[in-house]
């Protein structure tokens, strides 16, 4: 190899040599062999923030994550100067500065380290407890659109060599899945926008299933007569399917696209997926029904966070942001009055009659939706599941959206209300504490009146 590269100025023999070995080489004083000091990235957060930050290669060029996306911004421009060296490669005289170096710029992320550690720890515990293949958590600040935490399992340590491609990808942004019933609030908004239904509109779900174009749509039990709010509370597929049949496919598609489905969020993260939402002209009636309860389309975890932020923030949509200080104006995409009604309906899900009772957070009102979707396989839908919970808190004055997705739990439990909802509860409870959000039952101290000791004259 040395002979083949003889025309080059130098050839690397070995890089990132242990300091003890390099000291021995200096003592040997081998002619033509020189040592060059190099710097190496160290990631203090390790695997906790690995999927967001990413890593660089041996030449400090970004390979994954924000290291890759903002490589030009971070690396700067190396300088050069003309020098005279002796036969051992030591600089004898500096002749001139050829190019002045330009340092790289700093990049500040929106991530709150305390919340990131919390989300990572709780997600890892949940994935292990339920024997799941993978999982993701996203915590979003509603007012700014800033991502406060984004954690995935399995993760990797960017400070160690030999990384597997499976552990490296940021699943919350790159992986898509059929979301299941967490999509029902979007279909409900479409029904209300187009005057088809109101929260009290009745729908008969008896006998717990309905036939449609050769397919059977089922609920896990017979709920009988429900109103639209009850369809959300009980998560009735039959009720949703019957009601959305009165919408045109274009009306429903329009609501979904306005909330950001079918296109990437614009986070700037490399490899972010746009999900899949087929053009409404190709929908069959049965497909329109299944889309209403989260089958027949695919989404990312961050897309769900963006959409639920719209439901929490009176119809205002903001692009999720990973970079602190990025301009992020809000755009109103839905009627605030209708969105407030949907949010009120979502408060019933963690209630006594709902499917998300384990999502409750002590002293705070919570709104959200459970999801349990069967995973597609080559032979159809298998007995493998994705459990999810999407919601926001406090419902009285929403501050954060939290999305939890657990892929393929294998320890017996697989419903979103059993697997994902408890994780939502623990992450949101921690966020309320860290962000100093007053509880819903908090009453401010009354103002104390000061009484003067002066005697009135």
Foldseek 3Di string as FASTA:
>chain_A
DCVVCVPDPDDDPDPPDDPVVVVVVVVVLDFPDDDDDDDADDDPVFFLCCLAVPGAPPVQQGDFHVSPLCVVQQAWADWDFDFDADRRRHTDGTDGTPGDTTHHDDFAWLEDVVLSVLLQVLLVVLCVVLVFPKKWKWKAFLVFLETHYIHMPPTGGNVDPDDDPVRRHRQLFQPKFQWFQLLQLLLVQLCVVVVLFAQFAKDACPPQWDDDPNDIDGDPGHPGIDHNLVCQQAVRLSRQLVRCLPPQLVSSVLSLVLLQAQQHLPQSGPNGDRWDDDDSVPDDSVLSSRVSRGPPTMDGNQSSQQNQSCLLVQQWGWRRYTTPPDDIDTDRRHHSVSSLSSQVSQLSQCPPRGLQVLLDAPLARKGWGWGWDFGADPVGGDPFIKTKIWIFIRSVRTGMIMIIITGGRDRPDGTNNVRVSNSNRSSVNVVCVVVVPDGPPDDDDDDDDDDDPDDDD
